[in-house]
Protein backbone atom coordinates (compact mmCIF):
# COMPACT_ATOMS: atom_id res chain seq x y z
CA MET A 1 -31.69 8.30 -37.92
CA GLU A 2 -28.65 10.59 -36.62
CA ASN A 3 -29.21 11.35 -32.91
CA ILE A 4 -29.19 15.26 -32.57
CA TYR A 5 -28.63 15.61 -28.72
CA PRO A 6 -24.96 14.56 -27.59
CA ILE A 7 -25.93 11.40 -25.22
CA GLU A 8 -23.21 11.73 -21.98
CA LYS A 9 -23.89 10.13 -18.82
CA MET A 10 -24.67 13.16 -16.03
CA SER A 11 -21.21 13.29 -13.86
CA LYS A 12 -21.25 12.89 -10.27
CA ALA A 13 -21.13 16.51 -9.84
CA ASP A 14 -23.47 17.37 -12.06
CA LYS A 15 -25.91 15.02 -9.24
CA GLU A 16 -24.21 16.57 -6.31
CA LYS A 17 -25.35 20.58 -7.91
CA LEU A 18 -28.99 19.57 -8.04
CA LEU A 19 -28.74 18.06 -4.20
CA GLY A 20 -26.66 20.39 -3.16
CA GLN A 21 -24.30 18.62 -1.38
CA ARG A 22 -20.64 16.17 -2.07
CA GLY A 23 -21.48 12.59 -1.96
CA LEU A 24 -19.45 11.14 0.63
CA MET A 25 -18.91 7.00 2.36
CA ILE A 26 -19.02 7.76 5.93
CA TRP A 27 -17.66 3.92 6.76
CA PHE A 28 -17.85 2.65 10.63
CA THR A 29 -15.10 0.02 11.60
CA GLY A 30 -15.11 -1.48 14.83
CA LEU A 31 -15.68 -4.71 16.95
CA SER A 32 -19.53 -5.68 17.16
CA GLY A 33 -20.90 -3.89 20.21
CA SER A 34 -18.11 -0.67 19.31
CA GLY A 35 -21.33 1.47 18.45
CA LYS A 36 -21.35 1.96 14.56
CA SER A 37 -24.43 1.46 14.28
CA THR A 38 -25.68 3.24 16.76
CA LEU A 39 -23.24 6.82 16.09
CA ALA A 40 -24.36 6.01 12.26
CA ILE A 41 -28.13 5.98 13.01
CA ALA A 42 -27.53 8.82 15.44
CA LEU A 43 -25.35 11.16 12.89
CA GLU A 44 -27.74 10.05 9.66
CA LYS A 45 -30.85 11.94 11.84
CA GLU A 46 -28.53 15.18 11.99
CA LEU A 47 -27.52 15.12 8.77
CA HIS A 48 -31.48 14.87 7.45
CA ASP A 49 -32.05 17.79 10.07
CA ARG A 50 -29.42 19.53 8.39
CA LYS A 51 -31.25 18.47 4.75
CA ILE A 52 -28.56 16.04 3.86
CA LEU A 53 -29.65 13.18 1.83
CA CYS A 54 -27.99 10.33 3.04
CA THR A 55 -28.79 6.43 3.23
CA ILE A 56 -27.19 3.69 5.76
CA LEU A 57 -26.12 0.69 4.94
CA ASP A 58 -25.67 -2.22 7.30
CA GLY A 59 -25.69 -6.28 8.11
CA ASP A 60 -29.42 -5.67 9.03
CA ASN A 61 -30.14 -4.23 5.26
CA ILE A 62 -27.54 -5.89 3.82
CA ARG A 63 -27.69 -9.08 4.65
CA SER A 64 -30.73 -9.55 4.29
CA GLY A 65 -31.00 -8.44 0.46
CA ILE A 66 -28.19 -8.66 -1.45
CA ASN A 67 -25.56 -10.65 0.30
CA ASN A 68 -28.60 -13.05 1.26
CA ASN A 69 -26.46 -16.09 -0.59
CA LEU A 70 -22.97 -15.25 1.74
CA GLY A 71 -22.25 -17.27 4.93
CA PHE A 72 -19.17 -16.13 7.17
CA THR A 73 -16.59 -17.53 5.95
CA GLU A 74 -13.51 -15.93 4.77
CA ALA A 75 -14.09 -15.72 1.46
CA ASP A 76 -17.77 -14.27 1.68
CA ARG A 77 -16.70 -11.48 4.37
CA ILE A 78 -14.48 -10.34 1.66
CA GLU A 79 -17.20 -10.74 -0.70
CA ASN A 80 -19.98 -9.15 1.47
CA ILE A 81 -17.81 -5.59 1.80
CA ARG A 82 -16.62 -5.73 -1.71
CA ARG A 83 -20.44 -6.02 -3.05
CA ILE A 84 -20.85 -2.81 -0.23
CA ALA A 85 -18.73 -1.21 -1.83
CA GLU A 86 -19.86 -1.36 -4.70
CA VAL A 87 -23.09 -0.47 -3.77
CA GLY A 88 -21.60 2.04 -1.63
CA LYS A 89 -19.75 3.49 -4.68
CA LEU A 90 -23.64 4.13 -6.82
CA PHE A 91 -24.84 6.04 -3.57
CA VAL A 92 -21.76 8.53 -3.71
CA GLU A 93 -22.03 8.59 -7.48
CA THR A 94 -25.45 9.91 -6.73
CA GLY A 95 -24.61 12.51 -4.75
CA ILE A 96 -25.89 10.75 -1.27
CA VAL A 97 -23.86 10.45 2.06
CA THR A 98 -23.73 7.18 3.08
CA LEU A 99 -22.94 5.83 6.07
CA ALA A 100 -21.69 1.75 6.60
CA ALA A 101 -21.59 -0.21 9.43
CA PHE A 102 -19.63 -3.02 9.06
CA ILE A 103 -17.16 -4.83 11.04
CA SER A 104 -14.78 -4.57 8.40
CA PRO A 105 -11.99 -5.96 10.31
CA SER A 106 -8.82 -6.01 8.68
CA ASN A 107 -6.63 -3.42 7.37
CA ASP A 108 -6.85 -5.06 3.19
CA ILE A 109 -10.48 -5.04 3.57
CA ARG A 110 -11.43 -1.73 4.24
CA LYS A 111 -8.75 -0.68 1.57
CA MET A 112 -10.56 -2.80 -0.87
CA ALA A 113 -13.75 -1.14 0.01
CA ALA A 114 -11.80 2.66 0.08
CA ASP A 115 -10.47 1.22 -3.48
CA ILE A 116 -13.54 0.45 -5.24
CA ILE A 117 -15.15 3.85 -3.79
CA GLY A 118 -12.42 6.07 -4.16
CA HIS A 119 -10.14 7.54 -1.84
CA GLU A 120 -11.34 10.74 -2.01
CA ASN A 121 -14.89 9.98 -1.49
CA PHE A 122 -14.20 7.55 1.58
CA PHE A 123 -13.86 8.44 5.11
CA GLU A 124 -12.91 6.24 7.78
CA VAL A 125 -14.47 6.14 11.28
CA TYR A 126 -12.96 4.23 13.26
CA VAL A 127 -15.08 3.42 16.63
CA SER A 128 -11.86 2.13 18.65
CA THR A 129 -14.34 0.89 21.75
CA SER A 130 -12.23 -1.59 23.97
CA LEU A 131 -13.52 -5.19 23.85
CA GLU A 132 -14.09 -5.48 27.36
CA VAL A 133 -16.85 -2.82 26.74
CA CYS A 134 -17.93 -4.32 23.60
CA GLU A 135 -18.80 -7.60 25.76
CA GLN A 136 -20.47 -5.91 28.70
CA ARG A 137 -22.63 -4.20 25.91
CA ASP A 138 -23.31 -7.74 23.95
CA VAL A 139 -27.37 -8.11 24.54
CA LYS A 140 -27.28 -10.87 22.09
CA GLY A 141 -24.47 -13.17 24.69
CA LEU A 142 -22.13 -13.28 21.10
CA TYR A 143 -18.55 -12.81 22.90
CA ALA A 144 -19.98 -15.24 25.33
CA LYS A 145 -20.97 -17.83 22.97
CA ALA A 146 -17.74 -17.00 21.45
CA ARG A 147 -15.58 -18.04 24.26
CA GLN A 148 -17.48 -21.01 24.68
CA GLY A 149 -16.49 -21.96 21.43
CA ILE A 150 -20.41 -21.75 19.90
CA VAL A 151 -20.08 -19.21 17.64
CA LYS A 152 -16.74 -19.94 15.59
CA ASN A 153 -14.20 -17.00 13.86
CA PHE A 154 -15.62 -14.36 15.63
CA THR A 155 -13.69 -10.68 15.56
CA GLY A 156 -12.21 -9.90 18.81
CA ILE A 157 -12.31 -13.30 20.01
CA SER A 158 -11.46 -15.97 17.51
CA ALA A 159 -10.75 -14.07 14.46
CA PRO A 160 -8.51 -10.95 14.34
CA PHE A 161 -9.28 -7.61 14.02
CA GLU A 162 -6.49 -5.11 12.62
CA VAL A 163 -6.73 -1.52 14.01
CA PRO A 164 -7.26 0.80 10.95
CA GLN A 165 -3.78 2.77 9.97
CA ASN A 166 -5.27 6.01 9.24
CA PRO A 167 -8.81 6.37 9.77
CA SER A 168 -10.03 10.22 9.17
CA ILE A 169 -10.98 10.23 12.67
CA VAL A 170 -11.22 7.75 15.92
CA ILE A 171 -14.03 7.61 18.10
CA ASP A 172 -14.19 5.29 21.75
CA THR A 173 -17.77 5.71 22.41
CA ALA A 174 -16.88 4.46 25.91
CA ALA A 175 -15.21 7.54 26.35
CA HIS A 176 -17.48 9.66 24.40
CA PRO A 177 -21.18 10.05 25.24
CA ILE A 178 -23.27 9.59 21.97
CA GLU A 179 -23.87 13.41 21.38
CA GLU A 180 -20.69 14.48 21.62
CA SER A 181 -19.37 11.54 19.70
CA VAL A 182 -22.19 12.80 16.90
CA LYS A 183 -20.57 16.35 17.36
CA MET A 184 -17.47 15.10 16.50
CA LEU A 185 -18.10 13.60 13.60
CA LEU A 186 -20.15 16.59 12.00
CA ASP A 187 -17.68 18.45 13.42
CA ALA A 188 -15.19 16.61 10.42
CA ILE A 189 -18.12 15.49 7.85
CA LEU A 190 -19.76 18.60 7.27
CA PRO A 191 -16.92 20.32 5.48
CA LYS A 192 -16.95 17.71 3.29
CA VAL A 193 -20.71 17.88 2.03
CA LYS A 194 -21.62 21.26 1.97
């Protein structure tokens, strides 16, 4: 039986038209305690208040679900980011503004994520808060444990963090209060999603 209807997948543009917004990956990178998740949560609320559909991907919802079989070896960390990028791409292609808050410590790993998602849909936020401030904020005591050698391969202490080469925006949460930081993000992001 011949199908009289042309079968063609709906495009990203079709879905964006339905939603009245453009899909975008907002990728927060920075040290543990820099303010990535705090910024992502505050930004999600502001976008929601502006009727922009968005979602957050972070360690809590990724490591407990889709990546619960991964550890913290170098290979597992790369696979963690690869899977996050693949999931994020699905959201972005559906027209959803997606916020990802992950240390993602190397330029190569962030480039891999951008390559998967598409550079035109990838907005990198470098949360540049200093190591000293991050250590002061460390409520879980992970930095202290890393300095004592109890926690191995801890980014910023016993594992490197590469400063992003060309981030879309740089925000130091120690220098800018949350409201100001979110306003900086909104000013940069809203023209890209509306």
